[in-house]
Amino acid sequence: MFKYKFYTVVISIIAIISIFYSCKKEEDLDIPRVTFEYPSENKSYVVGDTITVKVVIESNSPIKSVYFSLVNDDLIPVITNYHYSSEVVSGKAIIYSFPIDNMRLEGGKYQISCIVTNQKETKHKYLNVLVSALDRVLRDVAVVTRNASHIKIWSIGADMNKTPELLFEVNSDYSASCYLPFNERIAMGGSIIGDINVWNYFTKDTLQLIDNQTNPPFPCFTTVSSIGDYLAVGYYAGRVSLFNSYGEKRFVINTKAGYFPKMIIDVDKNYYIEESEKSGNKNIISVFKKETNSFYSYFSVNGKLVGAFPFEGDDAMIFFNVGSVGNVEKYIYTANATTEPVYYNGDKIVSTAQIDAKNYLIATVNDLLWYQYQKSSIAPILSNRAFMNLKYDELSNSIFVNENMTIRRIAIPNGQIISSKSIGEEVLDIHLIYNY
């Protein structure tokens, strides 16, 4: 018994001495010492909250910088690093606040990271916190219309229960429009006039007029699309430019010689660019890796692309028309090739939407169809109806479409029309506006 107590005392003394010399070593090396006063360990937050941090920093030499961020288990920042710009006095508490502004952040345990650098060393200090994900909600439905030479964007409400509110209007022709959820912006492009207008959807501020040209080539722009954090703009001259939220051109991708981009589609880890030959009607699809914006490969299609969606892994489902006949093919990424038509070879496809990897919606010139890959079947939802611009809302398991000049919300799969809203102008597109 005495021997056991003796060893316990010895081990305790050694531990205390080790801690003492460890602290002494940090002081001798002039490593900054960081102490969190709040928040408390494992404090709970919700995405969108603001984290307020109080720390005391001690250092023998002047402190050069202090950075705060939220990091995951791999110590990778999940939100932007925030720099504390005020002068830091050793031993004096500093208080700093920064938002959890990554609206797509998953719930779980994260760490507040405080990185302090003085004239000699850098110290990393971490504190565990719990973050709950934000519930996803549909905030609004935007409708793009054309009346003579005027392009308009309207708000009709998430439940389509308000009088259409005119948000934006430009005197222009039209090539395409898109919503950029990461920064709540909506973009619309013409093809002849040569303007890409970008607005903040909720504040209605005009943010950018991208590549405005007094005498553009005819036509200038071909399409716009949201690709990750970027606005992708297609040019008839034969390139695609990717712009960040500040309107800065970050990447330029040249299409195949003699081709121009017709459609740019975000497909999970990749994005697809449909390219059309300027001298004829040959079409190819080029695949680019989203993470690096690097070219992967081309593959040929016999017709005109309508839509593409992620299937499994890096594979995708491709919807296109050959003349007046609609086709569905599965693109095999590793083989860089498509299969023969997959259980569908029918009426011309007008619009498509994805429910999940094995279920898709197809609007043809005559019918609204439910395409079930797993069952190798096509189920009619509504027949003898011509719908366009399908947009699927997974939160309510319904779709938004336009029929003539009316927006309709339709339940899936029974085809019940839940609500309708007349716009009174030619409808060009529909955008579902979520909180993230």
Protein backbone atom coordinates (compact mmCIF):
# COMPACT_ATOMS: atom_id res chain seq x y z
CA MET A 1 0.00 0.00 0.00
CA PHE A 2 2.79 2.38 0.95
CA LYS A 3 4.60 1.51 -2.26
CA TYR A 4 1.47 2.35 -4.32
CA LYS A 5 1.04 5.74 -2.60
CA PHE A 6 4.72 6.49 -3.07
CA TYR A 7 4.53 5.92 -6.83
CA THR A 8 1.33 7.97 -7.06
CA VAL A 9 3.02 10.92 -5.34
CA VAL A 10 6.09 10.63 -7.58
CA ILE A 11 3.98 10.54 -10.75
CA SER A 12 1.98 13.60 -9.60
CA ILE A 13 5.17 15.54 -8.88
CA ILE A 14 6.58 14.62 -12.30
CA ALA A 15 3.33 15.77 -13.98
CA ILE A 16 3.41 19.11 -12.15
CA ILE A 17 7.06 19.62 -13.05
CA SER A 18 6.30 18.74 -16.71
CA ILE A 19 3.47 21.28 -16.85
CA PHE A 20 5.69 23.91 -15.21
CA TYR A 21 8.52 23.37 -17.65
CA SER A 22 6.10 23.22 -20.58
CA CYS A 23 4.71 26.63 -19.65
CA LYS A 24 8.19 27.91 -18.99
CA LYS A 25 9.28 26.63 -22.39
CA GLU A 26 6.44 28.51 -24.14
CA GLU A 27 7.46 31.69 -22.33
CA ASP A 28 11.12 31.20 -23.19
CA LEU A 29 10.27 30.61 -26.85
CA ASP A 30 7.91 33.59 -26.75
CA ILE A 31 4.90 31.58 -27.89
CA PRO A 32 1.67 33.60 -27.41
CA ARG A 33 -0.62 32.27 -24.65
CA VAL A 34 -4.36 32.33 -25.39
CA THR A 35 -7.16 31.89 -22.83
CA PHE A 36 -10.87 31.76 -23.80
CA GLU A 37 -13.08 33.55 -21.25
CA TYR A 38 -16.26 32.98 -23.30
CA PRO A 39 -18.16 31.43 -24.90
CA SER A 40 -18.26 28.42 -22.62
CA GLU A 41 -17.18 24.98 -23.81
CA ASN A 42 -19.83 23.31 -26.03
CA LYS A 43 -22.05 26.40 -26.19
CA SER A 44 -24.90 25.94 -28.70
CA TYR A 45 -25.50 28.13 -31.77
CA VAL A 46 -27.76 28.08 -34.82
CA VAL A 47 -26.56 28.87 -38.35
CA GLY A 48 -27.06 32.60 -38.81
CA ASP A 49 -26.15 33.42 -35.19
CA THR A 50 -23.23 35.64 -34.30
CA ILE A 51 -20.40 34.24 -32.20
CA THR A 52 -18.96 36.66 -29.66
CA VAL A 53 -15.55 35.68 -28.35
CA LYS A 54 -13.62 37.03 -25.37
CA VAL A 55 -9.98 35.99 -25.09
CA VAL A 56 -6.96 37.07 -23.12
CA ILE A 57 -3.68 36.96 -25.02
CA GLU A 58 -0.30 37.14 -23.34
CA SER A 59 2.92 37.64 -25.22
CA ASN A 60 6.44 38.84 -24.42
CA SER A 61 6.81 40.51 -27.82
CA PRO A 62 4.30 42.69 -29.74
CA ILE A 63 1.31 40.83 -31.23
CA LYS A 64 1.13 41.12 -35.00
CA SER A 65 -2.23 39.50 -35.83
CA VAL A 66 -5.25 37.67 -34.41
CA TYR A 67 -7.60 35.59 -36.57
CA PHE A 68 -10.89 33.95 -35.59
CA SER A 69 -12.82 31.35 -37.57
CA LEU A 70 -14.99 28.27 -37.20
CA VAL A 71 -13.29 24.99 -38.18
CA ASN A 72 -14.40 21.37 -38.58
CA ASP A 73 -12.83 18.19 -37.19
CA ASP A 74 -10.06 18.43 -39.78
CA LEU A 75 -9.35 22.02 -38.63
CA ILE A 76 -10.47 23.33 -42.02
CA PRO A 77 -12.36 26.66 -41.83
CA VAL A 78 -16.06 26.32 -42.67
CA ILE A 79 -16.56 30.08 -42.62
CA THR A 80 -14.29 32.96 -43.59
CA ASN A 81 -11.32 33.81 -41.37
CA TYR A 82 -11.97 37.08 -39.52
CA HIS A 83 -9.05 39.34 -38.69
CA TYR A 84 -9.10 41.29 -35.43
CA SER A 85 -7.64 44.59 -36.64
CA SER A 86 -7.40 46.56 -33.39
CA GLU A 87 -4.21 46.81 -31.37
CA VAL A 88 -3.81 43.92 -28.93
CA VAL A 89 -2.26 44.59 -25.51
CA SER A 90 -0.70 41.62 -23.74
CA GLY A 91 -2.78 40.51 -20.77
CA LYS A 92 -5.81 42.62 -21.72
CA ALA A 93 -9.03 40.90 -22.80
CA ILE A 94 -10.29 41.45 -26.34
CA ILE A 95 -13.88 40.94 -27.48
CA TYR A 96 -14.75 40.15 -31.09
CA SER A 97 -17.91 39.03 -32.89
CA PHE A 98 -18.29 37.22 -36.21
CA PRO A 99 -21.30 35.60 -37.92
CA ILE A 100 -21.91 31.94 -38.73
CA ASP A 101 -22.69 33.01 -42.27
CA ASN A 102 -22.35 29.69 -44.11
CA MET A 103 -26.09 29.05 -44.50
CA ARG A 104 -25.46 25.53 -45.85
CA LEU A 105 -23.45 24.47 -42.80
CA GLU A 106 -24.46 21.06 -41.44
CA GLY A 107 -25.28 20.66 -37.76
CA GLY A 108 -22.65 19.17 -35.43
CA LYS A 109 -19.61 19.92 -33.29
CA TYR A 110 -17.16 22.56 -34.49
CA GLN A 111 -14.32 24.55 -32.95
CA ILE A 112 -13.71 28.26 -32.64
CA SER A 113 -10.17 28.80 -33.85
CA CYS A 114 -8.05 31.65 -32.52
CA ILE A 115 -4.72 32.07 -34.28
CA VAL A 116 -2.29 34.54 -32.71
CA THR A 117 1.03 35.57 -34.22
CA ASN A 118 3.66 37.70 -32.50
CA GLN A 119 7.10 38.68 -33.78
CA LYS A 120 8.49 35.17 -33.25
CA GLU A 121 5.81 32.47 -33.10
CA THR A 122 2.22 31.54 -33.93
CA LYS A 123 -0.22 29.96 -31.45
CA HIS A 124 -3.39 28.00 -32.40
CA LYS A 125 -6.07 27.73 -29.72
CA TYR A 126 -9.43 25.93 -30.11
CA LEU A 127 -12.75 25.84 -28.25
CA ASN A 128 -15.56 23.34 -28.94
CA VAL A 129 -19.03 24.66 -29.83
CA LEU A 130 -22.24 23.02 -31.10
CA VAL A 131 -23.98 24.33 -34.23
CA SER A 132 -27.51 23.46 -35.35
CA ALA A 133 -28.27 23.58 -39.07
CA LEU A 134 -30.76 26.08 -40.42
CA ASP A 135 -34.06 24.68 -41.66
CA ARG A 136 -34.38 25.19 -45.41
CA VAL A 137 -37.46 27.14 -46.48
CA LEU A 138 -38.81 28.48 -49.77
CA ARG A 139 -38.80 32.24 -49.43
CA ASP A 140 -40.17 33.30 -52.79
CA VAL A 141 -40.95 32.34 -56.37
CA ALA A 142 -39.48 34.61 -59.04
CA VAL A 143 -40.91 34.75 -62.57
CA VAL A 144 -39.08 36.16 -65.60
CA THR A 145 -41.34 37.57 -68.31
CA ARG A 146 -41.09 39.38 -71.64
CA ASN A 147 -43.34 42.16 -72.92
CA ALA A 148 -42.16 43.53 -76.29
CA SER A 149 -38.55 44.65 -75.66
CA HIS A 150 -38.85 44.67 -71.87
CA ILE A 151 -37.63 41.83 -69.65
CA LYS A 152 -39.12 41.78 -66.16
CA ILE A 153 -38.58 39.80 -62.96
CA TRP A 154 -41.58 39.42 -60.65
CA SER A 155 -42.05 38.16 -57.10
CA ILE A 156 -45.23 36.11 -56.59
CA GLY A 157 -44.55 34.73 -53.07
CA ALA A 158 -43.62 31.25 -51.89
CA ASP A 159 -47.29 30.26 -51.77
CA MET A 160 -48.14 32.30 -54.89
CA ASN A 161 -50.59 34.22 -52.73
CA LYS A 162 -49.64 37.81 -53.48
CA THR A 163 -50.19 40.19 -56.34
CA PRO A 164 -47.15 39.90 -58.63
CA GLU A 165 -44.58 42.50 -57.53
CA LEU A 166 -42.27 43.92 -60.20
CA LEU A 167 -38.70 43.77 -58.89
CA PHE A 168 -36.51 44.46 -61.92
CA GLU A 169 -37.07 45.62 -65.48
CA VAL A 170 -34.64 46.18 -68.35
CA ASN A 171 -35.06 47.19 -71.97
CA SER A 172 -33.27 44.25 -73.54
CA ASP A 173 -33.53 41.04 -75.44
CA TYR A 174 -33.13 37.77 -73.52
CA SER A 175 -30.69 34.87 -73.52
CA ALA A 176 -31.04 33.39 -70.00
CA SER A 177 -31.36 34.14 -66.28
CA CYS A 178 -30.28 32.40 -63.08
CA TYR A 179 -30.42 32.74 -59.30
CA LEU A 180 -27.19 32.53 -57.28
CA PRO A 181 -28.19 31.22 -53.83
CA PHE A 182 -24.81 31.72 -52.15
CA ASN A 183 -25.10 35.50 -52.24
CA GLU A 184 -28.81 36.04 -52.95
CA ARG A 185 -28.28 37.48 -56.42
CA ILE A 186 -30.20 37.12 -59.63
CA ALA A 187 -28.64 37.60 -63.05
CA MET A 188 -30.20 38.16 -66.46
CA GLY A 189 -28.48 38.40 -69.81
CA GLY A 190 -29.36 39.60 -73.27
CA SER A 191 -27.69 38.32 -76.41
CA ILE A 192 -27.62 41.30 -78.77
CA ILE A 193 -27.53 44.34 -76.50
CA GLY A 194 -24.57 42.89 -74.62
CA ASP A 195 -25.50 43.34 -70.96
CA ILE A 196 -25.45 40.94 -68.03
CA ASN A 197 -27.39 42.58 -65.21
CA VAL A 198 -26.82 41.33 -61.66
CA TRP A 199 -29.06 42.41 -58.78
CA ASN A 200 -29.37 41.62 -55.09
CA TYR A 201 -32.72 39.86 -55.06
CA PHE A 202 -33.90 41.04 -51.64
CA THR A 203 -32.48 44.58 -51.42
CA LYS A 204 -33.16 45.17 -55.16
CA ASP A 205 -29.79 46.90 -55.55
CA THR A 206 -28.10 46.84 -58.94
CA LEU A 207 -24.75 45.21 -58.26
CA GLN A 208 -23.02 44.73 -61.59
CA LEU A 209 -23.30 45.30 -65.29
CA ILE A 210 -20.92 42.65 -66.52
CA ASP A 211 -18.99 43.17 -69.75
CA ASN A 212 -21.20 45.95 -70.99
CA GLN A 213 -20.27 46.62 -74.63
CA THR A 214 -21.34 49.55 -76.79
CA ASN A 215 -21.02 47.67 -80.08
CA PRO A 216 -20.92 43.98 -79.22
CA PRO A 217 -20.54 41.27 -81.84
CA PHE A 218 -23.81 39.74 -82.95
CA PRO A 219 -24.79 37.98 -80.84
CA CYS A 220 -22.60 38.63 -77.79
CA PHE A 221 -23.89 36.49 -74.91
CA THR A 222 -25.50 33.07 -75.23
CA THR A 223 -26.38 32.02 -71.67
CA VAL A 224 -25.83 32.56 -67.94
CA SER A 225 -25.81 29.98 -65.15
CA SER A 226 -24.99 29.53 -61.46
CA ILE A 227 -21.96 27.25 -61.02
CA GLY A 228 -20.99 26.79 -57.37
CA ASP A 229 -20.06 30.24 -56.07
CA TYR A 230 -19.66 31.66 -59.58
CA LEU A 231 -21.79 33.27 -62.24
CA ALA A 232 -20.96 31.54 -65.52
CA VAL A 233 -21.44 33.62 -68.68
CA GLY A 234 -21.33 32.11 -72.17
CA TYR A 235 -20.09 34.14 -75.14
CA TYR A 236 -20.83 33.53 -78.80
CA ALA A 237 -17.16 34.31 -79.48
CA GLY A 238 -16.37 30.86 -78.02
CA ARG A 239 -15.71 31.06 -74.30
CA VAL A 240 -17.24 30.86 -70.84
CA SER A 241 -16.18 33.29 -68.11
CA LEU A 242 -16.75 32.68 -64.41
CA PHE A 243 -17.33 35.76 -62.22
CA ASN A 244 -17.23 35.95 -58.44
CA SER A 245 -19.73 37.87 -56.28
CA TYR A 246 -17.75 41.11 -56.82
CA GLY A 247 -18.10 40.89 -60.59
CA GLU A 248 -14.42 39.95 -60.98
CA LYS A 249 -13.56 37.54 -63.78
CA ARG A 250 -11.86 34.56 -62.12
CA PHE A 251 -11.67 31.93 -64.86
CA VAL A 252 -11.98 31.87 -68.65
CA ILE A 253 -12.76 28.61 -70.43
CA ASN A 254 -12.44 28.42 -74.19
CA THR A 255 -14.86 26.22 -76.10
CA LYS A 256 -13.73 23.92 -78.88
CA ALA A 257 -12.51 25.79 -81.96
CA GLY A 258 -15.45 26.70 -84.18
CA TYR A 259 -18.03 26.10 -81.42
CA PHE A 260 -19.91 28.37 -79.02
CA PRO A 261 -21.54 27.60 -75.64
CA LYS A 262 -25.32 27.16 -75.70
CA MET A 263 -26.04 25.89 -72.19
CA ILE A 264 -24.07 25.58 -68.93
CA ILE A 265 -25.38 23.12 -66.33
CA ASP A 266 -24.18 22.53 -62.78
CA VAL A 267 -24.05 18.75 -62.20
CA ASP A 268 -22.79 17.92 -58.69
CA LYS A 269 -18.94 17.82 -58.80
CA ASN A 270 -18.82 18.81 -62.47
CA TYR A 271 -20.45 21.20 -64.87
CA TYR A 272 -21.44 20.52 -68.43
CA ILE A 273 -21.21 22.96 -71.33
CA GLU A 274 -23.26 22.25 -74.42
CA GLU A 275 -21.33 23.56 -77.40
CA SER A 276 -22.77 24.05 -80.88
CA GLU A 277 -20.80 24.27 -84.11
CA LYS A 278 -21.06 27.76 -85.62
CA SER A 279 -21.07 26.48 -89.19
CA GLY A 280 -23.69 23.77 -88.70
CA ASN A 281 -25.80 21.90 -86.19
CA LYS A 282 -23.27 19.55 -84.58
CA ASN A 283 -23.40 19.51 -80.80
CA ILE A 284 -20.93 18.31 -78.22
CA ILE A 285 -20.92 18.42 -74.43
CA SER A 286 -17.74 19.28 -72.59
CA VAL A 287 -17.27 18.24 -68.97
CA PHE A 288 -15.31 20.36 -66.50
CA LYS A 289 -14.32 19.56 -62.92
CA LYS A 290 -15.91 22.15 -60.65
CA GLU A 291 -13.26 22.04 -57.92
CA THR A 292 -10.41 23.00 -60.26
CA ASN A 293 -12.34 24.42 -63.25
CA SER A 294 -10.25 22.09 -65.37
CA PHE A 295 -11.34 20.39 -68.59
CA TYR A 296 -12.14 16.67 -68.38
CA SER A 297 -13.37 15.62 -71.82
CA TYR A 298 -15.81 16.04 -74.70
CA PHE A 299 -18.55 13.66 -75.74
CA SER A 300 -20.94 13.96 -78.67
CA VAL A 301 -24.74 14.15 -78.66
CA ASN A 302 -26.86 13.87 -81.75
CA GLY A 303 -29.34 16.54 -80.72
CA LYS A 304 -29.95 19.58 -78.51
CA LEU A 305 -29.49 19.40 -74.75
CA VAL A 306 -32.49 20.17 -72.53
CA GLY A 307 -31.16 19.18 -69.10
CA ALA A 308 -28.59 17.15 -67.18
CA PHE A 309 -28.64 15.95 -63.57
CA PRO A 310 -26.36 13.95 -61.25
CA PHE A 311 -27.09 10.23 -61.19
CA GLU A 312 -24.64 8.21 -59.06
CA GLY A 313 -21.01 9.05 -58.38
CA ASP A 314 -19.87 11.25 -61.25
CA ASP A 315 -22.40 9.81 -63.72
CA ALA A 316 -25.32 11.88 -64.99
CA MET A 317 -28.65 11.61 -66.78
CA ILE A 318 -28.81 13.54 -70.05
CA PHE A 319 -32.08 14.75 -71.61
CA PHE A 320 -31.96 15.96 -75.23
CA ASN A 321 -33.95 16.15 -78.45
CA VAL A 322 -33.08 14.78 -81.86
CA GLY A 323 -35.37 16.80 -84.07
CA SER A 324 -38.87 16.29 -82.63
CA VAL A 325 -37.97 13.13 -80.68
CA GLY A 326 -36.95 13.24 -77.03
CA ASN A 327 -34.17 11.03 -75.69
CA VAL A 328 -32.74 10.09 -72.30
CA GLU A 329 -29.22 8.74 -71.93
CA LYS A 330 -26.98 7.97 -69.00
CA TYR A 331 -23.51 9.50 -69.15
CA ILE A 332 -20.81 7.21 -67.74
CA TYR A 333 -18.06 9.47 -66.39
CA THR A 334 -15.20 6.93 -66.34
CA ALA A 335 -15.94 5.83 -69.91
CA ASN A 336 -16.68 9.38 -71.12
CA ALA A 337 -19.60 8.01 -73.09
CA THR A 338 -23.37 7.72 -72.97
CA THR A 339 -25.51 4.61 -73.15
CA GLU A 340 -28.24 4.10 -75.72
CA PRO A 341 -31.58 5.80 -74.91
CA VAL A 342 -32.58 4.66 -71.41
CA TYR A 343 -36.21 3.50 -71.45
CA TYR A 344 -37.43 6.68 -73.17
CA ASN A 345 -37.63 7.63 -76.80
CA GLY A 346 -40.73 9.72 -77.30
CA ASP A 347 -42.23 13.17 -77.70
CA LYS A 348 -39.99 16.22 -77.85
CA ILE A 349 -38.80 17.23 -74.37
CA VAL A 350 -39.52 20.83 -73.37
CA SER A 351 -38.27 20.88 -69.77
CA THR A 352 -36.97 18.50 -67.09
CA ALA A 353 -36.53 18.38 -63.32
CA GLN A 354 -34.92 15.94 -60.90
CA ILE A 355 -36.65 14.47 -57.86
CA ASP A 356 -33.70 12.24 -56.88
CA ALA A 357 -31.05 10.11 -58.58
CA LYS A 358 -33.61 7.58 -59.85
CA ASN A 359 -36.67 9.78 -60.45
CA TYR A 360 -37.13 12.59 -62.95
CA LEU A 361 -39.91 14.74 -64.34
CA ILE A 362 -40.27 15.34 -68.07
CA ALA A 363 -42.49 17.91 -69.72
CA THR A 364 -43.01 17.15 -73.37
CA VAL A 365 -44.97 19.09 -75.96
CA ASN A 366 -48.04 17.05 -74.94
CA ASP A 367 -47.64 15.54 -71.45
CA LEU A 368 -46.15 15.78 -67.99
CA LEU A 369 -44.37 12.49 -67.22
CA TRP A 370 -42.73 10.81 -64.25
CA TYR A 371 -39.61 8.93 -65.37
CA GLN A 372 -38.67 6.14 -62.91
CA TYR A 373 -35.22 4.78 -63.71
CA GLN A 374 -35.31 1.93 -61.19
CA LYS A 375 -38.62 0.61 -62.50
CA SER A 376 -37.76 1.24 -66.16
CA SER A 377 -41.07 3.01 -66.56
CA ILE A 378 -42.76 6.21 -67.63
CA ALA A 379 -45.86 7.21 -65.64
CA PRO A 380 -48.14 10.01 -66.92
CA ILE A 381 -48.95 12.72 -64.39
CA LEU A 382 -51.01 15.05 -66.58
CA SER A 383 -51.83 14.39 -70.23
CA ASN A 384 -52.63 16.75 -73.08
CA ARG A 385 -51.07 19.69 -71.19
CA ALA A 386 -48.08 21.72 -72.42
CA PHE A 387 -45.95 22.83 -69.46
CA MET A 388 -42.62 24.64 -69.51
CA ASN A 389 -39.84 25.56 -67.06
CA LEU A 390 -40.28 22.75 -64.54
CA LYS A 391 -38.86 23.52 -61.11
CA TYR A 392 -39.06 20.85 -58.39
CA ASP A 393 -39.51 21.82 -54.74
CA GLU A 394 -38.37 18.90 -52.58
CA LEU A 395 -39.69 20.57 -49.40
CA SER A 396 -43.32 20.18 -50.56
CA ASN A 397 -42.83 17.45 -53.18
CA SER A 398 -44.40 19.66 -55.80
CA ILE A 399 -43.37 21.37 -59.03
CA PHE A 400 -43.76 24.89 -60.34
CA VAL A 401 -44.42 25.21 -64.06
CA ASN A 402 -45.82 27.73 -66.47
CA GLU A 403 -48.68 27.03 -68.85
CA ASN A 404 -49.21 29.83 -71.35
CA MET A 405 -49.05 32.92 -69.09
CA THR A 406 -50.00 31.17 -65.85
CA ILE A 407 -47.74 29.75 -63.12
CA ARG A 408 -49.05 26.51 -61.63
CA ARG A 409 -48.00 24.50 -58.61
CA ILE A 410 -48.61 20.77 -59.06
CA ALA A 411 -48.41 17.98 -56.46
CA ILE A 412 -46.28 14.94 -57.29
CA PRO A 413 -47.15 12.24 -58.24
CA ASN A 414 -50.95 12.64 -58.27
CA GLY A 415 -50.86 15.70 -60.57
CA GLN A 416 -53.24 17.80 -58.45
CA ILE A 417 -52.98 21.51 -59.29
CA ILE A 418 -52.51 23.14 -55.89
CA SER A 419 -52.50 26.77 -56.93
CA SER A 420 -52.26 29.03 -59.99
CA LYS A 421 -51.16 32.60 -60.63
CA SER A 422 -51.76 34.48 -63.86
CA ILE A 423 -48.91 36.75 -64.94
CA GLY A 424 -50.35 38.18 -68.17
CA GLU A 425 -47.02 38.20 -70.02
CA GLU A 426 -44.89 35.64 -71.83
CA VAL A 427 -43.08 33.59 -69.16
CA LEU A 428 -39.41 32.95 -69.87
CA ASP A 429 -38.32 31.21 -66.67
CA ILE A 430 -39.13 30.44 -63.03
CA HIS A 431 -36.67 30.56 -60.11
CA LEU A 432 -37.29 29.11 -56.65
CA ILE A 433 -35.71 31.37 -54.02
CA TYR A 434 -34.65 29.52 -50.86
CA ASN A 435 -33.02 30.88 -47.70
CA TYR A 436 -29.84 29.06 -48.74
